[in-house]
C-alpha atoms as a PDB file:
ATOM      1  CA  MET A   1     119.471 127.205  96.446  1.00  0.00           C
ATOM      2  CA  PHE A   2     115.769 126.463  96.738  1.00  0.00           C
ATOM      3  CA  ALA A   3     115.719 126.554  93.149  1.00  0.00           C
ATOM      4  CA  ALA A   4     115.591 122.770  91.882  1.00  0.00           C
ATOM      5  CA  GLU A   5     111.891 123.253  91.695  1.00  0.00           C
ATOM      6  CA  ILE A   6     112.175 125.518  88.774  1.00  0.00           C
ATOM      7  CA  TYR A   7     114.729 124.109  86.982  1.00  0.00           C
ATOM      8  CA  MET A   8     113.383 120.321  86.950  1.00  0.00           C
ATOM      9  CA  HIS A   9     110.138 121.668  85.820  1.00  0.00           C
ATOM     10  CA  ARG A  10     111.998 123.429  82.958  1.00  0.00           C
ATOM     11  CA  PHE A  11     114.232 120.267  82.456  1.00  0.00           C
ATOM     12  CA  LEU A  12     111.317 117.908  82.110  1.00  0.00           C
ATOM     13  CA  LEU A  13     108.902 120.356  80.004  1.00  0.00           C
ATOM     14  CA  SER A  14     111.499 119.781  77.027  1.00  0.00           C
ATOM     15  CA  SER A  15     112.756 116.412  78.206  1.00  0.00           C
ATOM     16  CA  PRO A  16     112.231 113.098  75.711  1.00  0.00           C
ATOM     17  CA  VAL A  17     111.087 111.017  78.947  1.00  0.00           C
ATOM     18  CA  ARG A  18     107.829 113.354  79.253  1.00  0.00           C
ATOM     19  CA  THR A  19     104.554 111.666  77.459  1.00  0.00           C
ATOM     20  CA  LEU A  20     101.657 113.713  76.935  1.00  0.00           C
ATOM     21  CA  ASN A  21      99.341 110.818  77.019  1.00  0.00           C
ATOM     22  CA  PRO A  22      98.713 110.220  80.810  1.00  0.00           C
ATOM     23  CA  GLU A  23      97.595 106.217  79.899  1.00  0.00           C
ATOM     24  CA  GLU A  24     101.533 105.891  79.179  1.00  0.00           C
ATOM     25  CA  ALA A  25     103.234 107.996  82.245  1.00  0.00           C
ATOM     26  CA  ASP A  26     104.710 106.075  84.961  1.00  0.00           C
ATOM     27  CA  TRP A  27     105.053 109.335  86.796  1.00  0.00           C
ATOM     28  CA  PHE A  28     103.111 112.253  87.313  1.00  0.00           C
ATOM     29  CA  TYR A  29     104.656 115.623  88.088  1.00  0.00           C
ATOM     30  CA  THR A  30     103.112 118.795  89.270  1.00  0.00           C
ATOM     31  CA  PRO A  31     105.104 121.810  89.625  1.00  0.00           C
ATOM     32  CA  VAL A  32     103.874 123.745  92.612  1.00  0.00           C
ATOM     33  CA  TYR A  33     106.632 126.375  93.082  1.00  0.00           C
ATOM     34  CA  THR A  34     106.308 126.584  97.088  1.00  0.00           C
ATOM     35  CA  THR A  35     109.719 127.729  97.563  1.00  0.00           C
ATOM     36  CA  CYS A  36     108.987 130.796  95.438  1.00  0.00           C
ATOM     37  CA  ASP A  37     106.687 132.371  98.290  1.00  0.00           C
ATOM     38  CA  LEU A  38     109.045 134.821  99.796  1.00  0.00           C
ATOM     39  CA  THR A  39     109.531 137.544 102.331  1.00  0.00           C
ATOM     40  CA  PRO A  40     110.204 141.207 101.032  1.00  0.00           C
ATOM     41  CA  ASN A  41     113.984 140.698 101.319  1.00  0.00           C
ATOM     42  CA  GLY A  42     113.815 137.248  99.393  1.00  0.00           C
ATOM     43  CA  LEU A  43     113.908 134.506 102.220  1.00  0.00           C
ATOM     44  CA  PRO A  44     111.568 131.640 101.659  1.00  0.00           C
ATOM     45  CA  LEU A  45     108.559 131.510 103.625  1.00  0.00           C
ATOM     46  CA  PRO A  46     107.254 128.271 104.117  1.00  0.00           C
ATOM     47  CA  PHE A  47     104.694 128.673 106.579  1.00  0.00           C
ATOM     48  CA  LYS A  48     101.893 128.824 104.065  1.00  0.00           C
ATOM     49  CA  SER A  49     103.312 126.330 101.698  1.00  0.00           C
ATOM     50  CA  PRO A  50     101.058 123.512 102.905  1.00  0.00           C
ATOM     51  CA  ARG A  51      98.081 125.422 102.379  1.00  0.00           C
ATOM     52  CA  MET A  52      99.778 126.086  98.546  1.00  0.00           C
ATOM     53  CA  MET A  53     100.354 122.378  98.122  1.00  0.00           C
ATOM     54  CA  ARG A  54      96.921 121.266  99.441  1.00  0.00           C
ATOM     55  CA  SER A  55      94.886 123.220  96.865  1.00  0.00           C
ATOM     56  CA  ALA A  56      97.227 121.948  94.057  1.00  0.00           C
ATOM     57  CA  ILE A  57      96.580 118.629  95.101  1.00  0.00           C
ATOM     58  CA  GLN A  58      92.781 119.476  95.553  1.00  0.00           C
ATOM     59  CA  LEU A  59      92.842 120.930  91.894  1.00  0.00           C
ATOM     60  CA  ILE A  60      94.761 118.029  89.981  1.00  0.00           C
ATOM     61  CA  SER A  61      92.330 115.557  92.108  1.00  0.00           C
ATOM     62  CA  SER A  62      88.977 117.824  90.992  1.00  0.00           C
ATOM     63  CA  ASN A  63      90.685 117.887  87.437  1.00  0.00           C
ATOM     64  CA  TRP A  64      91.583 114.650  86.319  1.00  0.00           C
ATOM     65  CA  PRO A  65      90.950 110.997  87.499  1.00  0.00           C
ATOM     66  CA  TYR A  66      94.730 109.922  87.889  1.00  0.00           C
ATOM     67  CA  TRP A  67      95.454 111.327  91.392  1.00  0.00           C
ATOM     68  CA  ASN A  68      92.377 109.654  92.803  1.00  0.00           C
ATOM     69  CA  ARG A  69      93.524 106.077  90.947  1.00  0.00           C
ATOM     70  CA  THR A  70      96.579 105.831  93.480  1.00  0.00           C
ATOM     71  CA  GLU A  71      96.014 109.169  96.014  1.00  0.00           C
ATOM     72  CA  GLY A  72      99.457 110.382  94.912  1.00  0.00           C
ATOM     73  CA  ALA A  73     101.555 107.025  95.193  1.00  0.00           C
ATOM     74  CA  ASP A  74     102.652 107.683  91.516  1.00  0.00           C
ATOM     75  CA  HIS A  75     103.187 111.279  91.495  1.00  0.00           C
ATOM     76  CA  PHE A  76     106.193 113.091  92.469  1.00  0.00           C
ATOM     77  CA  PHE A  77     106.929 116.731  93.988  1.00  0.00           C
ATOM     78  CA  ILE A  78     110.025 118.565  94.521  1.00  0.00           C
ATOM     79  CA  VAL A  79     110.197 119.915  97.973  1.00  0.00           C
ATOM     80  CA  PRO A  80     113.567 121.880  98.728  1.00  0.00           C
ATOM     81  CA  HIS A  81     112.933 123.841 101.751  1.00  0.00           C
ATOM     82  CA  ASP A  82     115.206 123.694 104.743  1.00  0.00           C
ATOM     83  CA  PHE A  83     113.141 120.428 106.217  1.00  0.00           C
ATOM     84  CA  GLY A  84     111.301 119.213 102.938  1.00  0.00           C
ATOM     85  CA  ALA A  85     107.689 118.693 103.156  1.00  0.00           C
ATOM     86  CA  CYS A  86     107.394 119.556 106.834  1.00  0.00           C
ATOM     87  CA  PHE A  87     107.573 123.341 105.768  1.00  0.00           C
ATOM     88  CA  HIS A  88     109.595 125.025 108.627  1.00  0.00           C
ATOM     89  CA  TYR A  89     113.028 126.265 108.936  1.00  0.00           C
ATOM     90  CA  GLN A  90     113.316 125.653 112.479  1.00  0.00           C
ATOM     91  CA  GLU A  91     113.844 122.109 113.328  1.00  0.00           C
ATOM     92  CA  GLU A  92     111.702 121.663 116.610  1.00  0.00           C
ATOM     93  CA  LYS A  93     108.626 123.400 114.431  1.00  0.00           C
ATOM     94  CA  ALA A  94     109.176 121.414 111.565  1.00  0.00           C
ATOM     95  CA  ILE A  95     109.273 118.235 113.476  1.00  0.00           C
ATOM     96  CA  GLU A  96     105.749 119.171 115.109  1.00  0.00           C
ATOM     97  CA  ARG A  97     104.269 120.204 112.021  1.00  0.00           C
ATOM     98  CA  GLY A  98     105.497 117.182 109.913  1.00  0.00           C
ATOM     99  CA  ILE A  99     105.148 115.942 106.417  1.00  0.00           C
ATOM    100  CA  LEU A 100     102.171 117.482 105.032  1.00  0.00           C
ATOM    101  CA  PRO A 101      99.656 114.290 105.351  1.00  0.00           C
ATOM    102  CA  LEU A 102      98.222 114.562 101.780  1.00  0.00           C
ATOM    103  CA  LEU A 103     101.636 113.857 100.311  1.00  0.00           C
ATOM    104  CA  GLN A 104     101.894 110.462 102.636  1.00  0.00           C
ATOM    105  CA  ARG A 105     101.939 108.451  99.320  1.00  0.00           C
ATOM    106  CA  ALA A 106     103.800 110.567  97.076  1.00  0.00           C
ATOM    107  CA  THR A 107     107.280 110.367  96.263  1.00  0.00           C
ATOM    108  CA  LEU A 108     109.288 113.448  97.520  1.00  0.00           C
ATOM    109  CA  VAL A 109     112.248 114.512  95.905  1.00  0.00           C
ATOM    110  CA  GLN A 110     113.910 117.009  98.399  1.00  0.00           C
ATOM    111  CA  THR A 111     117.430 118.572  99.900  1.00  0.00           C
ATOM    112  CA  PHE A 112     116.573 117.735 103.464  1.00  0.00           C
ATOM    113  CA  GLY A 113     117.909 113.938 104.484  1.00  0.00           C
ATOM    114  CA  GLN A 114     118.915 112.744 107.735  1.00  0.00           C
ATOM    115  CA  ARG A 115     118.365 109.365 108.815  1.00  0.00           C
ATOM    116  CA  ASN A 116     115.536 108.567 111.292  1.00  0.00           C
ATOM    117  CA  HIS A 117     113.599 112.012 111.240  1.00  0.00           C
ATOM    118  CA  VAL A 118     109.957 112.809 110.712  1.00  0.00           C
ATOM    119  CA  CYS A 119     110.922 114.785 107.663  1.00  0.00           C
ATOM    120  CA  LEU A 120     112.507 111.963 105.290  1.00  0.00           C
ATOM    121  CA  LYS A 121     109.830 109.214 104.764  1.00  0.00           C
ATOM    122  CA  ASP A 122     111.025 105.937 103.179  1.00  0.00           C
ATOM    123  CA  GLY A 123     111.548 105.941  99.477  1.00  0.00           C
ATOM    124  CA  SER A 124     112.074 109.708  98.972  1.00  0.00           C
ATOM    125  CA  ILE A 125     115.230 110.978  96.904  1.00  0.00           C
ATOM    126  CA  THR A 126     117.518 113.164  98.040  1.00  0.00           C
ATOM    127  CA  ILE A 127     119.100 115.985  95.871  1.00  0.00           C
ATOM    128  CA  PRO A 128     121.362 118.310  96.014  1.00  0.00           C
ATOM    129  CA  PRO A 129     120.355 122.116  96.420  1.00  0.00           C
ATOM    130  CA  TYR A 130     120.480 124.446  93.237  1.00  0.00           C
ATOM    131  CA  ALA A 131     124.032 126.337  92.891  1.00  0.00           C
ATOM    132  CA  PRO A 132     124.398 128.266  89.646  1.00  0.00           C
ATOM    133  CA  PRO A 133     126.535 126.079  87.231  1.00  0.00           C
ATOM    134  CA  GLN A 134     127.629 129.479  84.913  1.00  0.00           C
ATOM    135  CA  LYS A 135     128.199 131.468  88.088  1.00  0.00           C
ATOM    136  CA  MET A 136     130.687 128.890  89.405  1.00  0.00           C
ATOM    137  CA  GLN A 137     132.081 128.031  85.927  1.00  0.00           C
ATOM    138  CA  ALA A 138     133.004 131.974  85.388  1.00  0.00           C
ATOM    139  CA  HIS A 139     135.243 131.701  88.511  1.00  0.00           C
ATOM    140  CA  LEU A 140     137.033 128.839  87.893  1.00  0.00           C
ATOM    141  CA  ILE A 141     141.084 129.523  88.050  1.00  0.00           C
ATOM    142  CA  PRO A 142     144.120 127.189  86.445  1.00  0.00           C
ATOM    143  CA  PRO A 143     143.867 123.579  87.806  1.00  0.00           C
ATOM    144  CA  ASN A 144     147.556 123.977  88.903  1.00  0.00           C
ATOM    145  CA  THR A 145     146.853 126.591  91.389  1.00  0.00           C
ATOM    146  CA  PRO A 146     148.589 125.418  94.793  1.00  0.00           C
ATOM    147  CA  ARG A 147     146.043 125.010  97.708  1.00  0.00           C
ATOM    148  CA  SER A 148     147.423 127.296 100.354  1.00  0.00           C
ATOM    149  CA  ILE A 149     144.712 127.541 102.670  1.00  0.00           C
ATOM    150  CA  PHE A 150     144.328 124.660 104.868  1.00  0.00           C
ATOM    151  CA  VAL A 151     140.618 124.862 106.199  1.00  0.00           C
ATOM    152  CA  TYR A 152     138.000 127.436 104.487  1.00  0.00           C
ATOM    153  CA  PHE A 153     134.669 128.588 105.694  1.00  0.00           C
ATOM    154  CA  ARG A 154     132.702 131.380 105.086  1.00  0.00           C
ATOM    155  CA  GLY A 155     129.058 132.013 106.661  1.00  0.00           C
ATOM    156  CA  LEU A 156     127.160 132.550 109.982  1.00  0.00           C
ATOM    157  CA  PHE A 157     128.376 131.126 113.051  1.00  0.00           C
ATOM    158  CA  TYR A 158     125.216 132.702 114.909  1.00  0.00           C
ATOM    159  CA  ASP A 159     121.820 133.559 113.862  1.00  0.00           C
ATOM    160  CA  VAL A 160     121.025 136.349 116.320  1.00  0.00           C
ATOM    161  CA  GLY A 161     117.969 137.239 114.669  1.00  0.00           C
ATOM    162  CA  ASN A 162     116.462 133.830 114.768  1.00  0.00           C
ATOM    163  CA  ASP A 163     118.464 132.410 117.764  1.00  0.00           C
ATOM    164  CA  PRO A 164     119.121 135.330 120.475  1.00  0.00           C
ATOM    165  CA  GLU A 165     120.236 133.035 123.262  1.00  0.00           C
ATOM    166  CA  GLY A 166     122.702 130.698 120.782  1.00  0.00           C
ATOM    167  CA  GLY A 167     123.066 126.869 120.883  1.00  0.00           C
ATOM    168  CA  TYR A 168     120.282 126.206 118.856  1.00  0.00           C
ATOM    169  CA  TYR A 169     121.109 127.404 115.452  1.00  0.00           C
ATOM    170  CA  ALA A 170     123.250 124.705 113.942  1.00  0.00           C
ATOM    171  CA  ARG A 171     122.890 122.612 117.339  1.00  0.00           C
ATOM    172  CA  GLY A 172     125.943 124.750 117.905  1.00  0.00           C
ATOM    173  CA  ALA A 173     128.299 123.409 115.593  1.00  0.00           C
ATOM    174  CA  ARG A 174     129.054 126.557 113.919  1.00  0.00           C
ATOM    175  CA  ALA A 175     129.380 128.598 117.348  1.00  0.00           C
ATOM    176  CA  SER A 176     131.789 126.071 118.163  1.00  0.00           C
ATOM    177  CA  VAL A 177     133.866 126.083 115.340  1.00  0.00           C
ATOM    178  CA  TRP A 178     134.514 130.035 115.801  1.00  0.00           C
ATOM    179  CA  GLU A 179     135.067 129.835 119.482  1.00  0.00           C
ATOM    180  CA  ASN A 180     137.756 126.969 118.993  1.00  0.00           C
ATOM    181  CA  PHE A 181     139.406 128.246 115.886  1.00  0.00           C
ATOM    182  CA  LYS A 182     138.795 131.928 115.162  1.00  0.00           C
ATOM    183  CA  ASP A 183     142.484 132.444 116.110  1.00  0.00           C
ATOM    184  CA  ASN A 184     144.000 129.399 114.477  1.00  0.00           C
ATOM    185  CA  PRO A 185     146.341 130.158 111.763  1.00  0.00           C
ATOM    186  CA  LEU A 186     145.344 126.959 109.783  1.00  0.00           C
ATOM    187  CA  PHE A 187     141.769 128.137 109.829  1.00  0.00           C
ATOM    188  CA  ASP A 188     140.455 130.836 107.046  1.00  0.00           C
ATOM    189  CA  ILE A 189     137.277 131.395 108.896  1.00  0.00           C
ATOM    190  CA  SER A 190     134.729 134.353 108.803  1.00  0.00           C
ATOM    191  CA  THR A 191     131.733 135.571 108.315  1.00  0.00           C
ATOM    192  CA  GLU A 192     132.610 137.987 105.479  1.00  0.00           C
ATOM    193  CA  HIS A 193     131.791 136.730 101.847  1.00  0.00           C
ATOM    194  CA  PRO A 194     134.416 137.993  99.420  1.00  0.00           C
ATOM    195  CA  THR A 195     133.996 138.574  95.663  1.00  0.00           C
ATOM    196  CA  THR A 196     136.775 135.945  95.645  1.00  0.00           C
ATOM    197  CA  TYR A 197     134.711 133.332  97.732  1.00  0.00           C
ATOM    198  CA  TYR A 198     134.716 130.598  94.857  1.00  0.00           C
ATOM    199  CA  GLU A 199     138.539 131.237  93.937  1.00  0.00           C
ATOM    200  CA  ASP A 200     139.376 131.044  97.894  1.00  0.00           C
ATOM    201  CA  MET A 201     137.712 127.756  97.751  1.00  0.00           C
ATOM    202  CA  GLN A 202     140.056 126.700  94.747  1.00  0.00           C
ATOM    203  CA  ARG A 203     143.069 127.416  96.893  1.00  0.00           C
ATOM    204  CA  ALA A 204     141.603 125.564  99.759  1.00  0.00           C
ATOM    205  CA  ILE A 205     142.224 121.755 100.914  1.00  0.00           C
ATOM    206  CA  PHE A 206     139.545 121.548 103.287  1.00  0.00           C
ATOM    207  CA  CYS A 207     136.272 123.113 102.865  1.00  0.00           C
ATOM    208  CA  LEU A 208     133.667 123.020 106.029  1.00  0.00           C
ATOM    209  CA  CYS A 209     130.225 122.056 105.115  1.00  0.00           C
ATOM    210  CA  PRO A 210     128.671 122.214 108.590  1.00  0.00           C
ATOM    211  CA  LEU A 211     124.812 121.914 109.583  1.00  0.00           C
ATOM    212  CA  GLY A 212     122.983 125.524 109.604  1.00  0.00           C
ATOM    213  CA  TRP A 213     119.114 125.411 110.513  1.00  0.00           C
ATOM    214  CA  ALA A 214     119.234 122.164 108.502  1.00  0.00           C
ATOM    215  CA  PRO A 215     121.545 119.711 107.816  1.00  0.00           C
ATOM    216  CA  TRP A 216     122.364 120.553 103.944  1.00  0.00           C
ATOM    217  CA  SER A 217     123.673 123.614 102.377  1.00  0.00           C
ATOM    218  CA  PRO A 218     125.400 124.846  98.821  1.00  0.00           C
ATOM    219  CA  ARG A 219     128.566 124.380 100.112  1.00  0.00           C
ATOM    220  CA  LEU A 220     128.503 120.607  99.485  1.00  0.00           C
ATOM    221  CA  VAL A 221     128.357 121.507  95.997  1.00  0.00           C
ATOM    222  CA  GLU A 222     130.462 124.410  96.105  1.00  0.00           C
ATOM    223  CA  ALA A 223     133.125 122.001  97.584  1.00  0.00           C
ATOM    224  CA  VAL A 224     132.734 119.267  95.195  1.00  0.00           C
ATOM    225  CA  ILE A 225     132.840 121.490  92.143  1.00  0.00           C
ATOM    226  CA  PHE A 226     135.822 123.500  93.362  1.00  0.00           C
ATOM    227  CA  GLY A 227     137.793 120.024  94.442  1.00  0.00           C
ATOM    228  CA  CYS A 228     138.084 121.289  97.728  1.00  0.00           C
ATOM    229  CA  ILE A 229     137.464 118.141 100.522  1.00  0.00           C
ATOM    230  CA  PRO A 230     134.140 118.610 101.964  1.00  0.00           C
ATOM    231  CA  VAL A 231     134.071 118.325 105.958  1.00  0.00           C
ATOM    232  CA  ILE A 232     130.832 117.185 106.699  1.00  0.00           C
ATOM    233  CA  ILE A 233     129.394 118.303 109.973  1.00  0.00           C
ATOM    234  CA  ALA A 234     125.848 117.190 110.381  1.00  0.00           C
ATOM    235  CA  ASP A 235     125.223 114.067 112.253  1.00  0.00           C
ATOM    236  CA  ASP A 236     123.083 111.370 110.482  1.00  0.00           C
ATOM    237  CA  ILE A 237     123.123 113.485 107.275  1.00  0.00           C
ATOM    238  CA  VAL A 238     121.639 111.310 104.165  1.00  0.00           C
ATOM    239  CA  LEU A 239     123.647 112.900 101.424  1.00  0.00           C
ATOM    240  CA  PRO A 240     122.503 113.462  97.716  1.00  0.00           C
ATOM    241  CA  PHE A 241     123.113 110.202  95.085  1.00  0.00           C
ATOM    242  CA  ALA A 242     124.992 108.163  97.286  1.00  0.00           C
ATOM    243  CA  ASP A 243     124.931 105.704  94.324  1.00  0.00           C
ATOM    244  CA  ALA A 244     126.503 108.036  92.186  1.00  0.00           C
ATOM    245  CA  ILE A 245     128.941 109.680  94.332  1.00  0.00           C
ATOM    246  CA  PRO A 246     130.915 107.793  96.980  1.00  0.00           C
ATOM    247  CA  TRP A 247     130.613 110.349  99.646  1.00  0.00           C
ATOM    248  CA  GLU A 248     132.948 108.686 102.077  1.00  0.00           C
ATOM    249  CA  GLU A 249     135.774 108.765  99.731  1.00  0.00           C
ATOM    250  CA  ILE A 250     135.442 112.157  99.136  1.00  0.00           C
ATOM    251  CA  GLY A 251     134.686 113.477 102.115  1.00  0.00           C
ATOM    252  CA  VAL A 252     135.369 113.658 106.137  1.00  0.00           C
ATOM    253  CA  PHE A 253     132.673 113.291 108.211  1.00  0.00           C
ATOM    254  CA  VAL A 254     133.183 114.730 111.720  1.00  0.00           C
ATOM    255  CA  ALA A 255     130.701 114.260 114.494  1.00  0.00           C
ATOM    256  CA  GLU A 256     129.044 117.540 115.601  1.00  0.00           C
ATOM    257  CA  LYS A 257     130.435 116.509 119.398  1.00  0.00           C
ATOM    258  CA  ASP A 258     133.885 116.461 117.835  1.00  0.00           C
ATOM    259  CA  VAL A 259     134.110 119.957 116.229  1.00  0.00           C
ATOM    260  CA  PRO A 260     136.734 120.940 119.059  1.00  0.00           C
ATOM    261  CA  LYS A 261     139.178 118.295 118.192  1.00  0.00           C
ATOM    262  CA  LEU A 262     138.824 119.456 114.062  1.00  0.00           C
ATOM    263  CA  ASP A 263     142.484 120.640 113.718  1.00  0.00           C
ATOM    264  CA  THR A 264     143.567 117.461 115.449  1.00  0.00           C
ATOM    265  CA  ILE A 265     141.335 115.425 113.255  1.00  0.00           C
ATOM    266  CA  LEU A 266     142.607 117.355 109.690  1.00  0.00           C
ATOM    267  CA  THR A 267     145.850 117.432 110.558  1.00  0.00           C
ATOM    268  CA  SER A 268     146.416 114.126 111.261  1.00  0.00           C
ATOM    269  CA  ILE A 269     144.900 112.973 108.114  1.00  0.00           C
ATOM    270  CA  PRO A 270     147.910 111.519 105.906  1.00  0.00           C
ATOM    271  CA  THR A 271     148.929 113.275 102.764  1.00  0.00           C
ATOM    272  CA  GLU A 272     148.415 110.350 100.588  1.00  0.00           C
ATOM    273  CA  VAL A 273     144.685 110.207 101.688  1.00  0.00           C
ATOM    274  CA  ILE A 274     144.189 113.864 101.038  1.00  0.00           C
ATOM    275  CA  LEU A 275     145.904 113.372  97.160  1.00  0.00           C
ATOM    276  CA  ARG A 276     143.352 110.460  96.936  1.00  0.00           C
ATOM    277  CA  LYS A 277     140.178 112.651  97.871  1.00  0.00           C
ATOM    278  CA  GLN A 278     141.348 115.048  95.161  1.00  0.00           C
ATOM    279  CA  ARG A 279     141.853 112.692  92.575  1.00  0.00           C
ATOM    280  CA  LEU A 280     138.447 111.352  93.241  1.00  0.00           C
ATOM    281  CA  LEU A 281     136.894 115.004  93.087  1.00  0.00           C
ATOM    282  CA  ALA A 282     138.438 115.982  90.238  1.00  0.00           C
ATOM    283  CA  ASN A 283     136.479 113.516  88.328  1.00  0.00           C
ATOM    284  CA  PRO A 284     134.037 115.437  85.706  1.00  0.00           C
ATOM    285  CA  SER A 285     131.296 112.772  86.437  1.00  0.00           C
ATOM    286  CA  MET A 286     131.228 113.627  89.962  1.00  0.00           C
ATOM    287  CA  LYS A 287     131.035 117.474  89.692  1.00  0.00           C
ATOM    288  CA  GLN A 288     128.216 116.769  87.318  1.00  0.00           C
ATOM    289  CA  ALA A 289     126.081 114.871  89.221  1.00  0.00           C
ATOM    290  CA  MET A 290     125.760 117.919  91.523  1.00  0.00           C
ATOM    291  CA  LEU A 291     124.364 120.311  88.876  1.00  0.00           C
ATOM    292  CA  PHE A 292     121.296 121.370  87.254  1.00  0.00           C
ATOM    293  CA  PRO A 293     123.184 122.772  83.950  1.00  0.00           C
ATOM    294  CA  GLN A 294     121.332 124.729  81.399  1.00  0.00           C
ATOM    295  CA  PRO A 295     121.080 123.087  78.721  1.00  0.00           C
ATOM    296  CA  PRO A 296     121.071 119.293  80.281  1.00  0.00           C
ATOM    297  CA  GLN A 297     124.013 117.221  80.334  1.00  0.00           C
ATOM    298  CA  SER A 298     124.181 113.701  80.801  1.00  0.00           C
ATOM    299  CA  ARG A 299     124.712 112.272  84.104  1.00  0.00           C
ATOM    300  CA  ASP A 300     123.530 115.443  85.499  1.00  0.00           C
ATOM    301  CA  ALA A 301     121.616 116.018  88.621  1.00  0.00           C
ATOM    302  CA  PHE A 302     118.449 115.940  86.213  1.00  0.00           C
ATOM    303  CA  HIS A 303     119.235 112.520  85.371  1.00  0.00           C
ATOM    304  CA  GLN A 304     120.249 111.284  88.562  1.00  0.00           C
ATOM    305  CA  ILE A 305     116.364 112.210  89.829  1.00  0.00           C
ATOM    306  CA  LEU A 306     115.060 110.197  86.684  1.00  0.00           C
ATOM    307  CA  ASN A 307     117.692 107.135  87.861  1.00  0.00           C
ATOM    308  CA  GLY A 308     115.872 107.353  91.298  1.00  0.00           C
ATOM    309  CA  LEU A 309     112.408 107.486  90.043  1.00  0.00           C
ATOM    310  CA  ALA A 310     113.254 104.607  87.618  1.00  0.00           C
ATOM    311  CA  ARG A 311     114.433 102.729  90.046  1.00  0.00           C
ATOM    312  CA  LYS A 312     111.383 102.649  92.141  1.00  0.00           C
ATOM    313  CA  LEU A 313     109.126 101.247  88.689  1.00  0.00           C
ATOM    314  CA  PRO A 314     107.454  98.908  88.009  1.00  0.00           C
ATOM    315  CA  HIS A 315     104.708 100.189  90.691  1.00  0.00           C
ATOM    316  CA  ASP A 316     103.563  97.230  92.545  1.00  0.00           C
ATOM    317  CA  ARG A 317      99.824  96.216  93.284  1.00  0.00           C
ATOM    318  CA  SER A 318      99.658  98.476  96.357  1.00  0.00           C
ATOM    319  CA  THR A 319      99.889 101.703  94.204  1.00  0.00           C
ATOM    320  CA  PHE A 320      96.428 101.212  92.688  1.00  0.00           C
ATOM    321  CA  LEU A 321      93.768 101.696  94.984  1.00  0.00           C
ATOM    322  CA  LYS A 322      90.512  99.457  94.980  1.00  0.00           C
ATOM    323  CA  PRO A 323      87.183 101.027  93.671  1.00  0.00           C
ATOM    324  CA  GLY A 324      85.685 103.073  96.335  1.00  0.00           C
ATOM    325  CA  GLU A 325      89.078 102.681  98.684  1.00  0.00           C
ATOM    326  CA  LYS A 326      90.397 105.824 100.767  1.00  0.00           C
ATOM    327  CA  ILE A 327      93.561 106.188 102.629  1.00  0.00           C
ATOM    328  CA  LEU A 328      94.364 109.608 102.693  1.00  0.00           C
ATOM    329  CA  ASN A 329      92.930 112.152 105.508  1.00  0.00           C
ATOM    330  CA  TRP A 330      91.819 115.599 104.113  1.00  0.00           C
ATOM    331  CA  THR A 331      91.365 117.294 107.354  1.00  0.00           C
ATOM    332  CA  ALA A 332      94.621 115.876 109.001  1.00  0.00           C
ATOM    333  CA  GLY A 333      97.312 118.390 110.359  1.00  0.00           C
ATOM    334  CA  PRO A 334      97.161 121.770 112.010  1.00  0.00           C
ATOM    335  CA  VAL A 335      94.023 123.852 111.407  1.00  0.00           C
ATOM    336  CA  GLY A 336      95.647 126.627 109.981  1.00  0.00           C
ATOM    337  CA  ASP A 337      97.136 124.486 106.875  1.00  0.00           C
ATOM    338  CA  LEU A 338      93.682 123.694 105.936  1.00  0.00           C
ATOM    339  CA  LYS A 339      92.630 127.117 104.982  1.00  0.00           C
ATOM    340  CA  PRO A 340      92.331 127.534 101.208  1.00  0.00           C
ATOM    341  CA  TRP A 341      95.236 129.272  99.458  1.00  0.00           C
END
């Protein structure tokens, strides 16, 4: 789900928007692959990412003049970690660390989006997490299959390893789903991840998309692709590509504090509203905007990112520094982050 960084790089290598002449460029892109630093069992290891990012910026600022002209204001980076360029999966620690100071002027393209949060700065572009298009395509079932499951969810309710006392993971929202609805026949919820997971989503009317460590998850992409109405439980979430996807019209938003009333909220939605949401979800352009397909297709997530970058043009005068002007503080941030990569 963190692979957007790699696929965006591949896309740009063969995209007609790429120029090999830096004087023609509106934007500069540096692939850093911070999300490829993994634990032995394949989980992201964001703690060294600031050092990796600093080293990359040090390299491009010493080898070419373009970073120094703007201190990164015409550069963009893909940062698909849980809390973007705060580089930590636990919110408290991410907030404490803050966005890497060297990225203060750059545009960040990130999966994390939450209003009034230190890990989302103005001007960032919020994107969907990566979900494998070919794999999802292979699990499609006939579109007229009846939706016999009312509410569907597969995933963790507690993260005992990282949150042994409970209540911190998902701000308690997932635990509340389990405690309140584990025995409710309308709710097909479990920690088991069956081989029929994708097929089951296509048989469901509502798919729960609660926050985990961060507000976003691949379930949002999966729900849209499989025509299952996303039930978004993540207060103040900023959703991807709001200009291309009418989230309020296709989804249901439930406040974290209202999780115990989830059954009442969902059963009281009129049938005509459900059908309207399902019709909108069936629109191929809605699905296309959530995917990073190989090869790329018009109006897909790659092109939505380009649209977001194009809307920030032309760069205004404040983008370019005066001779000798310096804004960034290269020694700011936690001491551990200053070590070379």
